[in-house]
Structure formats: structure tokens, C-alpha cells
Amino acid sequence: MKHKYQTSRLISILYRQGCRFFDRELSGTMVGYGQQLFLILIYENQGISVLDLAKMGQFDKGTVTKAIQKLEEQRLIRWEPDTKDRRIHHVFTTDEAEPIIEEVYRKRHKWNSILVRNMSKEEAAAVDKLLSRMTENAFDYINHGKQADLKK
């Protein structure tokens, strides 16, 4: 029997396999699948605010706060209050995070290589383009209720 919702089923499988891959591959570090996402976003955007981090990753603020508190407990990030508005905190990676960040980048490269194995460069680029479009569609629908373009 052909699955009626093949795309969402396959994306769900990829997500779960990605979680398993990163949890296994990063088991020797202090971070797992969930934390590595935040660690890299903070590393690539030093001084980002919690609110901007949530927007960038399309996470709710509570999820971000919980994840970065765990990273702070592990001394991988530090918070600094904003000089003008003490309610805003900026987040930075620490020197202790550097080797873990390097390892996460290696594992991300490995996972991406696994995913696009046996694909041409054009096919891999097409996958990226289509997944980006699907992400935008999902974001627009969830956050803005854009239903006009939906087809039955």
C-alpha cells in the first residue's frame, strides 16, 4: 500500500534518524542532538539575544531558555546582560566549547555526506532548494495562516 502522506512520513523518519545519529556520534561530548543546534547557532551569532535565537531557529522561547541553561551549566556558553536593557541577555560561546563545536561541525559534515550519498551535485542542490521551500511553506502556514495557496 502506498503511503498517503509520503513526504511528511519521510521527513519524520529523517528527523528521527538524525537525532539518533547525533546522539550516538556526540556521545563523547557534553551535548546531544538538541543542544548542538543551539550551540552552533550561538557560535555563529556571538552575542545573539534569546529572543533572536528563538526566531532564528523557529523555537519557542521556553525551549531556547531550557537548552541554553543546560549549555551554561556545562560552561559552554555565557550570558551577558544588555548594557541598555537589563531584561535582554546576550549569549556567547566559551573557550571550553571550541573543541565540541569543531566536533559538531565534523559530525554535521558526515551526516550531510551520508544523506546525499549517491546523489549528483545537482540532485543535492535540488533537495536543499525543495526542503527550504517546504520549510518556508510550513512557517508561513503555522505563523501566518496562509491557506489561500493550498490545493486539495
N, C-alpha and C. Protein backbone atom coordinates (compact mmCIF):
# COMPACT_ATOMS: atom_id res chain seq x y z
N MET A 1 0.85 -1.19 0.00
CA MET A 1 0.00 0.00 0.00
C MET A 1 0.88 1.24 0.00
N LYS A 2 0.59 2.15 -0.87
CA LYS A 2 1.32 3.41 -0.96
C LYS A 2 0.86 4.31 0.19
N HIS A 3 1.86 4.92 0.87
CA HIS A 3 1.51 5.83 1.96
C HIS A 3 0.92 7.10 1.38
N LYS A 4 -0.18 7.54 1.99
CA LYS A 4 -0.88 8.72 1.51
C LYS A 4 -0.08 9.99 1.75
N TYR A 5 0.63 10.05 2.84
CA TYR A 5 1.38 11.25 3.19
C TYR A 5 2.87 10.94 3.19
N GLN A 6 3.39 10.54 2.05
CA GLN A 6 4.76 10.09 1.91
C GLN A 6 5.78 11.15 2.32
N THR A 7 5.60 12.40 1.92
CA THR A 7 6.58 13.45 2.22
C THR A 7 6.73 13.65 3.71
N SER A 8 5.65 13.85 4.42
CA SER A 8 5.75 14.08 5.87
C SER A 8 6.26 12.85 6.59
N ARG A 9 5.92 11.67 6.12
CA ARG A 9 6.42 10.43 6.72
C ARG A 9 7.94 10.34 6.56
N LEU A 10 8.44 10.62 5.37
CA LEU A 10 9.87 10.55 5.11
C LEU A 10 10.65 11.61 5.89
N ILE A 11 10.10 12.80 5.99
CA ILE A 11 10.75 13.85 6.78
C ILE A 11 10.81 13.45 8.24
N SER A 12 9.76 12.84 8.74
CA SER A 12 9.73 12.37 10.12
C SER A 12 10.81 11.32 10.35
N ILE A 13 10.96 10.40 9.42
CA ILE A 13 11.99 9.37 9.54
C ILE A 13 13.38 10.00 9.53
N LEU A 14 13.62 10.93 8.61
CA LEU A 14 14.91 11.62 8.56
C LEU A 14 15.21 12.34 9.86
N TYR A 15 14.22 13.01 10.41
CA TYR A 15 14.40 13.72 11.68
C TYR A 15 14.81 12.75 12.79
N ARG A 16 14.08 11.66 12.92
CA ARG A 16 14.38 10.69 13.99
C ARG A 16 15.75 10.05 13.79
N GLN A 17 16.09 9.73 12.54
CA GLN A 17 17.41 9.14 12.28
C GLN A 17 18.52 10.16 12.57
N GLY A 18 18.27 11.43 12.26
CA GLY A 18 19.24 12.48 12.57
C GLY A 18 19.46 12.61 14.07
N CYS A 19 18.39 12.54 14.83
CA CYS A 19 18.51 12.58 16.29
C CYS A 19 19.37 11.43 16.78
N ARG A 20 19.09 10.24 16.28
CA ARG A 20 19.86 9.06 16.68
C ARG A 20 21.33 9.20 16.29
N PHE A 21 21.58 9.67 15.08
CA PHE A 21 22.95 9.84 14.60
C PHE A 21 23.72 10.78 15.51
N PHE A 22 23.18 11.97 15.75
CA PHE A 22 23.90 12.96 16.55
C PHE A 22 24.05 12.53 18.00
N ASP A 23 23.02 11.93 18.57
CA ASP A 23 23.15 11.46 19.95
C ASP A 23 24.25 10.41 20.05
N ARG A 24 24.32 9.51 19.09
CA ARG A 24 25.36 8.47 19.11
C ARG A 24 26.73 9.06 18.82
N GLU A 25 26.83 9.88 17.78
CA GLU A 25 28.12 10.42 17.35
C GLU A 25 28.70 11.44 18.33
N LEU A 26 27.83 12.11 19.07
CA LEU A 26 28.30 13.12 20.03
C LEU A 26 28.30 12.61 21.46
N SER A 27 28.16 11.30 21.63
CA SER A 27 28.05 10.74 22.99
C SER A 27 29.29 11.01 23.84
N GLY A 28 30.44 11.23 23.22
CA GLY A 28 31.65 11.52 23.98
C GLY A 28 31.79 12.98 24.37
N THR A 29 30.85 13.80 23.94
CA THR A 29 30.88 15.22 24.27
C THR A 29 29.82 15.51 25.32
N MET A 30 29.67 16.76 25.67
CA MET A 30 28.66 17.14 26.67
C MET A 30 27.32 17.50 26.03
N VAL A 31 27.21 17.37 24.70
CA VAL A 31 25.99 17.79 24.03
C VAL A 31 25.39 16.64 23.24
N GLY A 32 24.10 16.71 23.05
CA GLY A 32 23.38 15.76 22.22
C GLY A 32 22.73 16.50 21.06
N TYR A 33 21.79 15.83 20.44
CA TYR A 33 21.14 16.40 19.27
C TYR A 33 20.56 17.78 19.55
N GLY A 34 19.79 17.91 20.60
CA GLY A 34 19.11 19.18 20.88
C GLY A 34 20.04 20.32 21.20
N GLN A 35 21.06 20.07 21.98
CA GLN A 35 21.97 21.13 22.36
C GLN A 35 22.88 21.57 21.22
N GLN A 36 23.25 20.64 20.33
CA GLN A 36 24.18 21.00 19.26
C GLN A 36 23.60 22.07 18.35
N LEU A 37 22.31 22.04 18.15
CA LEU A 37 21.66 23.06 17.32
C LEU A 37 21.86 24.46 17.90
N PHE A 38 21.62 24.57 19.20
CA PHE A 38 21.75 25.86 19.87
C PHE A 38 23.21 26.30 19.98
N LEU A 39 24.08 25.36 20.28
CA LEU A 39 25.50 25.69 20.41
C LEU A 39 26.03 26.29 19.11
N ILE A 40 25.69 25.69 17.99
CA ILE A 40 26.17 26.20 16.70
C ILE A 40 25.54 27.54 16.36
N LEU A 41 24.26 27.69 16.61
CA LEU A 41 23.61 28.99 16.34
C LEU A 41 24.25 30.10 17.17
N ILE A 42 24.56 29.81 18.42
CA ILE A 42 25.19 30.82 19.27
C ILE A 42 26.61 31.10 18.79
N TYR A 43 27.34 30.05 18.45
CA TYR A 43 28.71 30.21 17.96
C TYR A 43 28.75 31.08 16.69
N GLU A 44 27.82 30.84 15.80
CA GLU A 44 27.79 31.57 14.53
C GLU A 44 27.19 32.97 14.67
N ASN A 45 26.59 33.25 15.82
CA ASN A 45 25.94 34.55 16.04
C ASN A 45 26.27 35.04 17.45
N GLN A 46 27.56 35.21 17.74
CA GLN A 46 28.02 35.61 19.07
C GLN A 46 27.28 36.87 19.53
N GLY A 47 26.75 36.81 20.75
CA GLY A 47 26.05 37.95 21.32
C GLY A 47 24.57 37.98 20.97
N ILE A 48 24.06 36.93 20.36
CA ILE A 48 22.65 36.88 20.00
C ILE A 48 21.78 36.90 21.26
N SER A 49 20.63 37.51 21.16
CA SER A 49 19.70 37.52 22.29
C SER A 49 18.88 36.23 22.27
N VAL A 50 18.31 35.88 23.40
CA VAL A 50 17.48 34.69 23.50
C VAL A 50 16.31 34.78 22.54
N LEU A 51 15.69 35.94 22.46
CA LEU A 51 14.54 36.13 21.56
C LEU A 51 14.96 35.95 20.10
N ASP A 52 16.08 36.53 19.72
CA ASP A 52 16.56 36.38 18.34
C ASP A 52 16.96 34.94 18.04
N LEU A 53 17.50 34.26 19.03
CA LEU A 53 17.86 32.85 18.87
C LEU A 53 16.60 32.02 18.62
N ALA A 54 15.55 32.32 19.36
CA ALA A 54 14.27 31.61 19.18
C ALA A 54 13.72 31.87 17.77
N LYS A 55 13.76 33.11 17.33
CA LYS A 55 13.26 33.44 15.99
C LYS A 55 14.08 32.76 14.91
N MET A 56 15.39 32.80 15.06
CA MET A 56 16.28 32.25 14.04
C MET A 56 16.05 30.75 13.85
N GLY A 57 15.89 30.05 14.95
CA GLY A 57 15.71 28.60 14.87
C GLY A 57 14.26 28.17 14.83
N GLN A 58 13.34 29.13 14.87
CA GLN A 58 11.91 28.86 14.90
C GLN A 58 11.54 27.97 16.09
N PHE A 59 12.08 28.34 17.26
CA PHE A 59 11.79 27.65 18.51
C PHE A 59 10.97 28.56 19.40
N ASP A 60 10.24 27.97 20.36
CA ASP A 60 9.59 28.82 21.35
C ASP A 60 10.63 29.23 22.39
N LYS A 61 10.37 30.34 23.06
CA LYS A 61 11.34 30.92 23.99
C LYS A 61 11.68 29.98 25.14
N GLY A 62 10.70 29.21 25.60
CA GLY A 62 10.94 28.27 26.69
C GLY A 62 11.92 27.17 26.31
N THR A 63 11.80 26.67 25.09
CA THR A 63 12.71 25.64 24.60
C THR A 63 14.13 26.18 24.54
N VAL A 64 14.27 27.41 24.05
CA VAL A 64 15.59 28.04 23.96
C VAL A 64 16.18 28.23 25.35
N THR A 65 15.39 28.75 26.25
CA THR A 65 15.88 29.02 27.61
C THR A 65 16.36 27.73 28.27
N LYS A 66 15.59 26.66 28.15
CA LYS A 66 15.96 25.38 28.76
C LYS A 66 17.27 24.85 28.15
N ALA A 67 17.39 24.92 26.84
CA ALA A 67 18.59 24.40 26.18
C ALA A 67 19.83 25.20 26.54
N ILE A 68 19.70 26.52 26.57
CA ILE A 68 20.90 27.32 26.86
C ILE A 68 21.26 27.29 28.34
N GLN A 69 20.27 27.03 29.20
CA GLN A 69 20.61 26.86 30.62
C GLN A 69 21.46 25.61 30.81
N LYS A 70 21.13 24.56 30.05
CA LYS A 70 21.93 23.33 30.13
C LYS A 70 23.34 23.59 29.59
N LEU A 71 23.45 24.34 28.50
CA LEU A 71 24.77 24.67 27.95
C LEU A 71 25.57 25.53 28.93
N GLU A 72 24.87 26.40 29.64
CA GLU A 72 25.56 27.24 30.63
C GLU A 72 26.06 26.39 31.81
N GLU A 73 25.25 25.44 32.26
CA GLU A 73 25.67 24.55 33.34
C GLU A 73 26.94 23.79 32.96
N GLN A 74 27.08 23.50 31.69
CA GLN A 74 28.25 22.77 31.19
C GLN A 74 29.41 23.71 30.84
N ARG A 75 29.22 24.99 31.10
CA ARG A 75 30.21 26.03 30.85
C ARG A 75 30.59 26.16 29.38
N LEU A 76 29.62 25.90 28.50
CA LEU A 76 29.86 26.02 27.07
C LEU A 76 29.41 27.37 26.52
N ILE A 77 28.54 28.04 27.26
CA ILE A 77 28.09 29.38 26.87
C ILE A 77 28.07 30.27 28.11
N ARG A 78 28.01 31.57 27.86
CA ARG A 78 27.86 32.53 28.95
C ARG A 78 26.86 33.58 28.51
N TRP A 79 26.18 34.17 29.49
CA TRP A 79 25.19 35.22 29.26
C TRP A 79 25.78 36.55 29.68
N GLU A 80 25.39 37.59 29.00
CA GLU A 80 25.73 38.95 29.42
C GLU A 80 24.49 39.81 29.27
N PRO A 81 24.17 40.60 30.31
CA PRO A 81 23.01 41.49 30.18
C PRO A 81 23.32 42.61 29.18
N ASP A 82 22.29 43.06 28.51
CA ASP A 82 22.41 44.18 27.58
C ASP A 82 22.74 45.44 28.38
N THR A 83 23.60 46.28 27.86
CA THR A 83 24.00 47.49 28.58
C THR A 83 22.88 48.51 28.69
N LYS A 84 21.93 48.48 27.75
CA LYS A 84 20.84 49.45 27.76
C LYS A 84 19.54 48.90 28.34
N ASP A 85 19.31 47.60 28.19
CA ASP A 85 18.07 46.99 28.67
C ASP A 85 18.43 45.71 29.41
N ARG A 86 18.40 45.76 30.74
CA ARG A 86 18.84 44.64 31.57
C ARG A 86 17.94 43.41 31.44
N ARG A 87 16.77 43.55 30.83
CA ARG A 87 15.89 42.40 30.62
C ARG A 87 16.39 41.52 29.48
N ILE A 88 17.21 42.09 28.62
CA ILE A 88 17.74 41.37 27.46
C ILE A 88 19.10 40.80 27.81
N HIS A 89 19.32 39.54 27.47
CA HIS A 89 20.61 38.90 27.70
C HIS A 89 21.18 38.43 26.36
N HIS A 90 22.48 38.61 26.21
CA HIS A 90 23.19 38.17 25.02
C HIS A 90 23.98 36.91 25.38
N VAL A 91 24.07 36.01 24.43
CA VAL A 91 24.69 34.71 24.68
C VAL A 91 25.94 34.55 23.81
N PHE A 92 26.99 34.01 24.43
CA PHE A 92 28.28 33.81 23.76
C PHE A 92 28.78 32.40 24.07
N THR A 93 29.53 31.80 23.16
CA THR A 93 30.19 30.53 23.47
C THR A 93 31.46 30.82 24.25
N THR A 94 31.92 29.83 25.00
CA THR A 94 33.14 29.96 25.80
C THR A 94 34.29 29.22 25.10
N ASP A 95 35.48 29.43 25.60
CA ASP A 95 36.65 28.72 25.07
C ASP A 95 36.50 27.21 25.24
N GLU A 96 35.85 26.78 26.33
CA GLU A 96 35.65 25.36 26.57
C GLU A 96 34.77 24.71 25.49
N ALA A 97 33.98 25.52 24.81
CA ALA A 97 33.08 24.99 23.78
C ALA A 97 33.79 24.71 22.45
N GLU A 98 34.94 25.33 22.24
CA GLU A 98 35.62 25.24 20.93
C GLU A 98 35.82 23.81 20.42
N PRO A 99 36.40 22.90 21.21
CA PRO A 99 36.60 21.54 20.68
C PRO A 99 35.29 20.82 20.38
N ILE A 100 34.25 21.11 21.16
CA ILE A 100 32.95 20.48 20.92
C ILE A 100 32.34 21.04 19.65
N ILE A 101 32.47 22.33 19.43
CA ILE A 101 31.95 22.96 18.22
C ILE A 101 32.63 22.36 16.99
N GLU A 102 33.94 22.19 17.06
CA GLU A 102 34.66 21.58 15.94
C GLU A 102 34.15 20.17 15.67
N GLU A 103 33.90 19.42 16.74
CA GLU A 103 33.38 18.06 16.59
C GLU A 103 31.97 18.07 15.99
N VAL A 104 31.15 18.99 16.42
CA VAL A 104 29.79 19.09 15.87
C VAL A 104 29.85 19.40 14.37
N TYR A 105 30.73 20.31 13.97
CA TYR A 105 30.86 20.59 12.54
C TYR A 105 31.30 19.35 11.76
N ARG A 106 32.22 18.57 12.31
CA ARG A 106 32.66 17.34 11.64
C ARG A 106 31.49 16.36 11.50
N LYS A 107 30.72 16.23 12.56
CA LYS A 107 29.59 15.29 12.53
C LYS A 107 28.48 15.78 11.60
N ARG A 108 28.27 17.07 11.55
CA ARG A 108 27.28 17.62 10.60
C ARG A 108 27.70 17.34 9.16
N HIS A 109 28.99 17.52 8.88
CA HIS A 109 29.50 17.24 7.54
C HIS A 109 29.32 15.75 7.21
N LYS A 110 29.63 14.89 8.17
CA LYS A 110 29.47 13.45 7.97
C LYS A 110 28.01 13.10 7.69
N TRP A 111 27.09 13.65 8.49
CA TRP A 111 25.67 13.34 8.31
C TRP A 111 25.18 13.83 6.95
N ASN A 112 25.58 15.02 6.58
CA ASN A 112 25.17 15.54 5.27
C ASN A 112 25.71 14.66 4.14
N SER A 113 26.95 14.21 4.28
CA SER A 113 27.54 13.33 3.27
C SER A 113 26.78 12.01 3.17
N ILE A 114 26.35 11.50 4.32
CA ILE A 114 25.55 10.27 4.32
C ILE A 114 24.23 10.50 3.60
N LEU A 115 23.58 11.63 3.88
CA LEU A 115 22.27 11.91 3.29
C LEU A 115 22.31 12.09 1.78
N VAL A 116 23.37 12.66 1.27
CA VAL A 116 23.42 12.94 -0.17
C VAL A 116 24.29 11.92 -0.94
N ARG A 117 24.68 10.87 -0.25
CA ARG A 117 25.46 9.82 -0.91
C ARG A 117 24.70 9.29 -2.13
N ASN A 118 25.41 9.05 -3.19
CA ASN A 118 24.84 8.56 -4.45
C ASN A 118 23.94 9.58 -5.15
N MET A 119 24.07 10.84 -4.80
CA MET A 119 23.35 11.92 -5.49
C MET A 119 24.37 12.76 -6.23
N SER A 120 23.94 13.30 -7.35
CA SER A 120 24.79 14.26 -8.06
C SER A 120 24.75 15.58 -7.30
N LYS A 121 25.68 16.48 -7.64
CA LYS A 121 25.67 17.81 -7.01
C LYS A 121 24.35 18.52 -7.31
N GLU A 122 23.84 18.32 -8.51
CA GLU A 122 22.58 18.96 -8.90
C GLU A 122 21.41 18.42 -8.08
N GLU A 123 21.39 17.10 -7.88
CA GLU A 123 20.32 16.50 -7.07
C GLU A 123 20.39 16.99 -5.62
N ALA A 124 21.59 17.03 -5.06
CA ALA A 124 21.75 17.50 -3.68
C ALA A 124 21.31 18.96 -3.56
N ALA A 125 21.65 19.78 -4.55
CA ALA A 125 21.23 21.19 -4.53
C ALA A 125 19.71 21.29 -4.66
N ALA A 126 19.12 20.44 -5.47
CA ALA A 126 17.67 20.45 -5.64
C ALA A 126 16.97 20.06 -4.33
N VAL A 127 17.52 19.08 -3.62
CA VAL A 127 16.96 18.68 -2.33
C VAL A 127 16.99 19.86 -1.37
N ASP A 128 18.14 20.55 -1.29
CA ASP A 128 18.25 21.72 -0.41
C ASP A 128 17.21 22.78 -0.77
N LYS A 129 17.08 23.04 -2.05
CA LYS A 129 16.13 24.06 -2.51
C LYS A 129 14.69 23.67 -2.17
N LEU A 130 14.33 22.42 -2.41
CA LEU A 130 12.97 21.97 -2.13
C LEU A 130 12.68 21.94 -0.63
N LEU A 131 13.63 21.48 0.16
CA LEU A 131 13.43 21.47 1.61
C LEU A 131 13.32 22.89 2.16
N SER A 132 14.09 23.82 1.61
CA SER A 132 13.98 25.22 2.02
C SER A 132 12.59 25.76 1.72
N ARG A 133 12.10 25.44 0.55
CA ARG A 133 10.76 25.90 0.18
C ARG A 133 9.70 25.28 1.09
N MET A 134 9.85 24.00 1.40
CA MET A 134 8.90 23.34 2.29
C MET A 134 8.93 23.96 3.69
N THR A 135 10.13 24.29 4.15
CA THR A 135 10.27 24.94 5.46
C THR A 135 9.56 26.29 5.46
N GLU A 136 9.75 27.07 4.41
CA GLU A 136 9.07 28.37 4.30
C GLU A 136 7.56 28.18 4.27
N ASN A 137 7.08 27.20 3.51
CA ASN A 137 5.65 26.93 3.44
C ASN A 137 5.08 26.59 4.81
N ALA A 138 5.79 25.73 5.54
CA ALA A 138 5.33 25.33 6.87
C ALA A 138 5.31 26.53 7.81
N PHE A 139 6.39 27.32 7.79
CA PHE A 139 6.47 28.51 8.65
C PHE A 139 5.35 29.49 8.33
N ASP A 140 5.15 29.78 7.05
CA ASP A 140 4.10 30.72 6.66
C ASP A 140 2.72 30.24 7.10
N TYR A 141 2.45 28.97 6.92
CA TYR A 141 1.14 28.45 7.28
C TYR A 141 0.93 28.50 8.79
N ILE A 142 1.91 28.01 9.55
CA ILE A 142 1.77 27.96 11.01
C ILE A 142 1.71 29.35 11.61
N ASN A 143 2.54 30.26 11.13
CA ASN A 143 2.65 31.58 11.75
C ASN A 143 1.75 32.65 11.14
N HIS A 144 1.32 32.44 9.93
CA HIS A 144 0.54 33.49 9.27
C HIS A 144 -0.79 32.98 8.72
N GLY A 145 -1.04 31.70 8.84
CA GLY A 145 -2.31 31.13 8.37
C GLY A 145 -2.54 31.29 6.89
N LYS A 146 -1.49 31.26 6.08
CA LYS A 146 -1.64 31.43 4.63
C LYS A 146 -2.22 30.14 4.04
N GLN A 147 -3.51 30.14 3.87
CA GLN A 147 -4.19 28.95 3.34
C GLN A 147 -4.64 29.16 1.90
N ALA A 148 -4.53 30.36 1.39
CA ALA A 148 -5.06 30.66 0.06
C ALA A 148 -4.43 29.82 -1.03
N ASP A 149 -3.16 29.47 -0.87
CA ASP A 149 -2.47 28.74 -1.92
C ASP A 149 -2.60 27.22 -1.78
N LEU A 150 -3.29 26.76 -0.75
CA LEU A 150 -3.43 25.32 -0.56
C LEU A 150 -4.34 24.72 -1.61
N LYS A 151 -3.94 23.57 -2.12
CA LYS A 151 -4.75 22.84 -3.09
C LYS A 151 -5.17 21.53 -2.46
N LYS A 152 -6.36 21.11 -2.77
CA LYS A 152 -6.85 19.85 -2.20
C LYS A 152 -6.34 18.66 -2.96
